[in-house]
Amino acid sequence: MMAAVKACSVLITGANRGLGLEMVKQLAEGSCPKRQIFAGCRDPDGPRSEKLRELAEKHPGIITIIQLDVTNPSSIKESAKKVAPMLEKTGLNLLVNNAGVLAHGTMLSTSDKEMHDAFNTNLMGPFTVTKEYLPYLRTAAKASGTSGMSCDKAAIINISAGLGSMTQMLTLYSNFPTFSYSVSKAGLNMLTVYTSTEVKNDEILCVSIHPGWVKTDMGGDKAPLEMKESVGELLRVMSGLTEKQHGGFLDYKGETLPW
C-alpha cells in the first residue's frame, strides 16, 4: 500500500531500523513530488544503519540521513542546524518521534539504568526534539495558507504504545512486564496532551499513535503484525488525521485508545 501522506518535508527519529526504516521506505516510494525525508539515527555510518544507507542511495535527493541521537541535546541541536537550510521557507511539515527502547522487567527487577535509558530515549528524546523543531513546524503551518490541522500541513506524531495505556496495562501486565517502557510511554502520552494544548493556536496537529505489536527487534518474533502492514496502516491513519483527533491516542487502525 502506497503512503497517502502528502507532507513535503518529514523528519523521522530512529530511522535506521524497524518501524522508522519502514516508514522512510514507504514514504520514499510515495508519489509526492519534491518530498524531503530526513532520516535521523544515532550512528549513520555504523553497521546498524547499513539498510538505511542503501535506501538513501536508491532515493537520492529524497532521503537525507541526519546524525540525531535523541538522548543527546547537543546532537539534536546540531541536527536542526543541518536540516534548517534544506527546509527553505516552507518549514517542516511532519515530525515523527519514533526512536524508542524497550527493556523487559517488573518494577522490582528493573534497574535504575534501565529506567533512565527508557526515560532518556522514550520521553526526554521526543520532548527535546519537539522543542528544537517547533519553529520549523510553525513556519510550515503559516506557509500552508490553509486552515485546520493535518499531517500534510504541520504535525507531531509521537509513536506510543498500548503498553503505555494505564487502562490496558492491567490486562497486559502478566504477559508483558515492561515496567520502564510502560511508564515512559505513559509519560510520552502526557507529553502529547501538553504539546497539543500549547501548539493548538499554531494549528500544529499533535497525536500519539500505537503501531500495534509488530515483528521488529523490539517486538520480537511472536508479534502478529508485519512491519509493512503496520506502517502502511499507520500512514493511512496519519493521512486522515484532522483537528478532531488533535491531542488524542489512537492505534494503527485509527481506533481511539484509553489513556
Protein backbone atom coordinates (compact mmCIF):
# COMPACT_ATOMS: atom_id res chain seq x y z
CA MET A 1 0.00 0.00 0.00
CA MET A 2 1.45 3.36 -1.01
CA ALA A 3 1.61 6.08 1.58
CA ALA A 4 -1.13 8.65 1.18
CA VAL A 5 0.63 11.18 3.41
CA LYS A 6 1.46 14.15 1.18
CA ALA A 7 3.72 16.04 3.61
CA CYS A 8 6.61 17.50 1.60
CA SER A 9 9.16 17.56 4.44
CA VAL A 10 9.34 14.82 7.05
CA LEU A 11 11.74 14.14 9.92
CA ILE A 12 11.74 10.65 11.47
CA THR A 13 13.84 9.72 14.52
CA GLY A 14 15.18 6.18 14.98
CA ALA A 15 15.04 5.76 11.20
CA ASN A 16 17.78 3.17 10.75
CA ARG A 17 15.75 0.09 11.69
CA GLY A 18 12.32 -1.30 12.49
CA LEU A 19 9.29 0.91 12.05
CA GLY A 20 11.35 4.03 11.41
CA LEU A 21 13.19 2.44 8.49
CA GLU A 22 9.97 1.01 7.05
CA MET A 23 8.32 4.43 7.31
CA VAL A 24 11.19 6.06 5.42
CA LYS A 25 10.90 3.34 2.76
CA GLN A 26 7.15 3.70 2.25
CA LEU A 27 7.25 7.50 2.24
CA ALA A 28 10.13 7.50 -0.26
CA GLU A 29 8.10 5.26 -2.59
CA GLY A 30 5.09 7.59 -2.37
CA SER A 31 4.17 9.75 -5.33
CA CYS A 32 4.68 13.11 -3.63
CA PRO A 33 6.86 15.37 -5.81
CA LYS A 34 9.72 17.28 -4.14
CA ARG A 35 9.47 15.19 -0.98
CA GLN A 36 12.30 15.51 1.52
CA ILE A 37 12.73 12.82 4.15
CA PHE A 38 15.20 13.49 6.96
CA ALA A 39 16.11 10.12 8.45
CA GLY A 40 17.55 10.66 11.92
CA CYS A 41 19.68 7.99 13.57
CA ARG A 42 22.37 7.79 16.24
CA ASP A 43 25.19 6.37 14.11
CA PRO A 44 24.67 6.98 10.36
CA ASP A 45 28.00 5.31 9.45
CA GLY A 46 27.64 2.28 11.72
CA PRO A 47 26.69 -1.31 10.78
CA ARG A 48 23.15 -0.92 12.13
CA SER A 49 22.46 1.85 9.60
CA GLU A 50 23.53 -0.13 6.52
CA LYS A 51 19.96 -0.71 5.28
CA LEU A 52 19.17 2.98 5.67
CA ARG A 53 22.28 3.95 3.69
CA GLU A 54 21.24 1.54 0.89
CA LEU A 55 17.75 3.04 0.89
CA ALA A 56 19.15 6.60 0.70
CA GLU A 57 21.28 5.59 -2.31
CA LYS A 58 18.15 4.28 -4.04
CA HIS A 59 16.33 7.59 -3.49
CA PRO A 60 18.91 10.35 -3.99
CA GLY A 61 17.61 13.84 -3.35
CA ILE A 62 14.69 12.43 -1.36
CA ILE A 63 16.27 10.79 1.69
CA THR A 64 18.86 12.69 3.73
CA ILE A 65 20.44 10.79 6.63
CA ILE A 66 20.94 13.01 9.68
CA GLN A 67 23.03 12.21 12.74
CA LEU A 68 20.48 12.52 15.53
CA ASP A 69 20.86 10.89 18.93
CA VAL A 70 17.63 11.68 20.78
CA THR A 71 19.35 11.16 24.16
CA ASN A 72 21.90 13.90 23.40
CA PRO A 73 20.62 17.51 23.41
CA SER A 74 23.66 18.83 21.53
CA SER A 75 23.19 16.18 18.81
CA ILE A 76 19.55 17.31 18.48
CA LYS A 77 20.65 20.97 18.17
CA GLU A 78 23.28 20.07 15.55
CA SER A 79 20.73 18.08 13.54
CA ALA A 80 18.42 21.10 13.40
CA LYS A 81 21.30 23.26 12.12
CA LYS A 82 21.80 20.79 9.25
CA VAL A 83 18.11 20.38 8.44
CA ALA A 84 17.11 24.07 8.64
CA PRO A 85 18.86 25.27 5.44
CA MET A 86 17.30 22.41 3.44
CA LEU A 87 13.76 23.34 4.52
CA GLU A 88 13.83 26.66 2.66
CA LYS A 89 10.88 28.88 3.57
CA THR A 90 8.24 26.15 3.75
CA GLY A 91 9.32 24.68 7.10
CA LEU A 92 8.88 21.14 8.38
CA ASN A 93 5.52 19.51 7.74
CA LEU A 94 5.81 16.33 9.78
CA LEU A 95 7.87 15.27 12.79
CA VAL A 96 7.65 11.59 13.75
CA ASN A 97 9.11 10.88 17.21
CA ASN A 98 9.76 7.19 16.62
CA ALA A 99 13.06 6.33 18.39
CA GLY A 100 12.44 4.05 21.36
CA VAL A 101 13.96 1.45 23.68
CA LEU A 102 12.28 -1.43 25.48
CA ALA A 103 13.53 -3.49 28.42
CA HIS A 104 11.52 -6.33 29.95
CA GLY A 105 11.10 -6.40 33.70
CA THR A 106 8.83 -5.75 36.67
CA MET A 107 9.21 -2.75 38.95
CA LEU A 108 11.36 -4.78 41.35
CA SER A 109 13.59 -6.28 38.64
CA THR A 110 14.07 -3.05 36.67
CA SER A 111 17.43 -1.37 37.27
CA ASP A 112 17.96 2.36 37.71
CA LYS A 113 19.91 2.36 34.43
CA GLU A 114 17.03 0.73 32.52
CA MET A 115 14.68 3.35 33.95
CA HIS A 116 16.99 6.22 32.98
CA ASP A 117 17.52 4.77 29.48
CA ALA A 118 13.77 4.42 28.91
CA PHE A 119 13.06 7.98 30.03
CA ASN A 120 16.00 9.48 28.14
CA THR A 121 15.01 7.84 24.85
CA ASN A 122 11.22 7.45 25.03
CA LEU A 123 10.32 10.69 26.80
CA MET A 124 13.17 13.21 27.01
CA GLY A 125 14.03 12.49 23.36
CA PRO A 126 10.61 13.48 21.95
CA PHE A 127 10.44 16.39 24.44
CA THR A 128 13.76 17.88 23.30
CA VAL A 129 13.34 17.08 19.58
CA THR A 130 9.85 18.64 19.55
CA LYS A 131 11.06 21.84 21.22
CA GLU A 132 14.04 22.13 18.86
CA TYR A 133 12.00 21.60 15.69
CA LEU A 134 8.90 23.54 16.75
CA PRO A 135 9.97 26.77 14.96
CA TYR A 136 10.13 24.87 11.64
CA LEU A 137 6.72 23.29 12.23
CA ARG A 138 5.33 26.75 12.96
CA THR A 139 6.83 28.01 9.70
CA ALA A 140 5.14 25.17 7.80
CA ALA A 141 1.78 25.84 9.46
CA LYS A 142 1.94 29.51 8.44
CA ALA A 143 3.29 28.80 4.95
CA SER A 144 0.47 26.35 4.16
CA GLY A 145 -2.08 29.14 3.82
CA THR A 146 -4.83 26.70 4.83
CA SER A 147 -6.93 26.44 7.99
CA GLY A 148 -7.39 23.34 10.14
CA MET A 149 -4.88 20.64 11.00
CA SER A 150 -3.28 17.78 9.07
CA CYS A 151 -0.08 15.76 8.71
CA ASP A 152 0.46 17.42 5.33
CA LYS A 153 0.44 20.89 6.91
CA ALA A 154 2.30 20.67 10.26
CA ALA A 155 2.16 17.74 12.68
CA ILE A 156 3.93 15.99 15.55
CA ILE A 157 3.28 12.25 15.66
CA ASN A 158 4.51 10.54 18.82
CA ILE A 159 4.89 6.79 18.32
CA SER A 160 3.47 5.49 21.58
CA ALA A 161 2.30 2.02 22.67
CA GLY A 162 -0.68 0.17 24.06
CA LEU A 163 1.71 -0.71 26.90
CA GLY A 164 1.66 2.98 27.80
CA SER A 165 -2.10 2.89 28.43
CA MET A 166 -2.82 2.79 32.16
CA THR A 167 -6.19 1.16 31.46
CA GLN A 168 -4.87 -1.57 29.15
CA MET A 169 -1.79 -2.29 31.24
CA LEU A 170 -3.90 -4.02 33.90
CA THR A 171 -4.71 -6.85 31.46
CA LEU A 172 -1.37 -6.78 29.59
CA TYR A 173 0.92 -6.88 32.62
CA SER A 174 1.06 -10.66 33.18
CA ASN A 175 2.25 -11.27 29.59
CA PHE A 176 4.18 -8.04 29.11
CA PRO A 177 6.01 -6.87 32.23
CA THR A 178 7.77 -3.88 30.63
CA PHE A 179 7.88 -1.52 33.57
CA SER A 180 10.36 1.12 32.35
CA TYR A 181 8.91 1.14 28.83
CA SER A 182 5.30 1.40 30.01
CA VAL A 183 5.96 4.22 32.48
CA SER A 184 7.98 6.20 29.92
CA LYS A 185 5.30 5.73 27.22
CA ALA A 186 2.59 6.87 29.66
CA GLY A 187 4.78 9.94 30.13
CA LEU A 188 5.01 10.35 26.35
CA ASN A 189 1.21 10.32 26.19
CA MET A 190 1.08 13.14 28.71
CA LEU A 191 3.66 14.98 26.62
CA THR A 192 1.27 14.63 23.65
CA VAL A 193 -1.60 16.11 25.67
CA TYR A 194 0.51 19.04 26.89
CA THR A 195 2.07 19.70 23.49
CA SER A 196 -1.30 19.58 21.76
CA THR A 197 -2.59 22.24 24.16
CA GLU A 198 0.43 24.50 23.63
CA VAL A 199 0.54 24.27 19.80
CA LYS A 200 -3.21 24.42 19.21
CA ASN A 201 -3.19 28.11 18.26
CA ASP A 202 -0.38 27.42 15.76
CA GLU A 203 -2.65 24.80 14.11
CA ILE A 204 0.03 22.13 14.52
CA LEU A 205 -1.51 18.68 14.89
CA CYS A 206 -0.20 16.51 17.74
CA VAL A 207 -1.24 12.88 18.27
CA SER A 208 0.03 9.71 20.00
CA ILE A 209 -0.22 6.58 17.82
CA HIS A 210 0.24 2.94 18.81
CA PRO A 211 1.62 0.97 15.83
CA GLY A 212 0.42 -2.40 17.12
CA TRP A 213 2.55 -5.34 18.24
CA VAL A 214 4.98 -5.60 15.35
CA LYS A 215 7.71 -8.05 14.31
CA THR A 216 10.77 -5.88 14.93
CA ASP A 217 13.93 -6.18 17.08
CA MET A 218 11.84 -4.64 19.83
CA GLY A 219 8.58 -6.50 19.22
CA GLY A 220 10.13 -9.94 18.74
CA ASP A 221 9.17 -12.92 16.57
CA LYS A 222 5.87 -13.69 18.28
CA ALA A 223 4.34 -10.38 17.21
CA PRO A 224 1.35 -10.87 14.89
CA LEU A 225 1.93 -7.80 12.70
CA GLU A 226 4.42 -7.42 9.86
CA MET A 227 6.22 -4.07 9.66
CA LYS A 228 4.96 -3.36 6.15
CA GLU A 229 1.34 -3.76 7.24
CA SER A 230 1.72 -1.75 10.44
CA VAL A 231 3.43 1.18 8.72
CA GLY A 232 1.04 1.09 5.76
CA GLU A 233 -1.89 1.35 8.16
CA LEU A 234 -0.12 3.99 10.28
CA LEU A 235 0.44 6.19 7.24
CA ARG A 236 -3.15 5.68 6.10
CA VAL A 237 -4.42 6.78 9.53
CA MET A 238 -1.99 9.72 9.60
CA SER A 239 -3.18 10.90 6.18
CA GLY A 240 -6.74 11.22 7.51
CA LEU A 241 -5.99 12.98 10.81
CA THR A 242 -7.62 16.36 11.41
CA GLU A 243 -8.15 18.69 14.37
CA LYS A 244 -10.81 16.17 15.56
CA GLN A 245 -8.03 13.78 16.66
CA HIS A 246 -5.75 16.55 17.98
CA GLY A 247 -4.31 15.57 21.37
CA GLY A 248 -5.65 12.04 21.01
CA PHE A 249 -4.30 8.49 21.46
CA LEU A 250 -5.04 6.20 18.51
CA ASP A 251 -3.90 2.84 17.21
CA TYR A 252 -2.73 1.92 13.68
CA LYS A 253 -6.34 1.24 12.67
CA GLY A 254 -7.47 4.70 13.74
CA GLU A 255 -9.32 3.47 16.84
CA THR A 256 -9.17 5.65 19.96
CA LEU A 257 -7.28 4.04 22.86
CA PRO A 258 -7.91 4.68 26.56
CA TRP A 259 -5.20 6.65 28.38
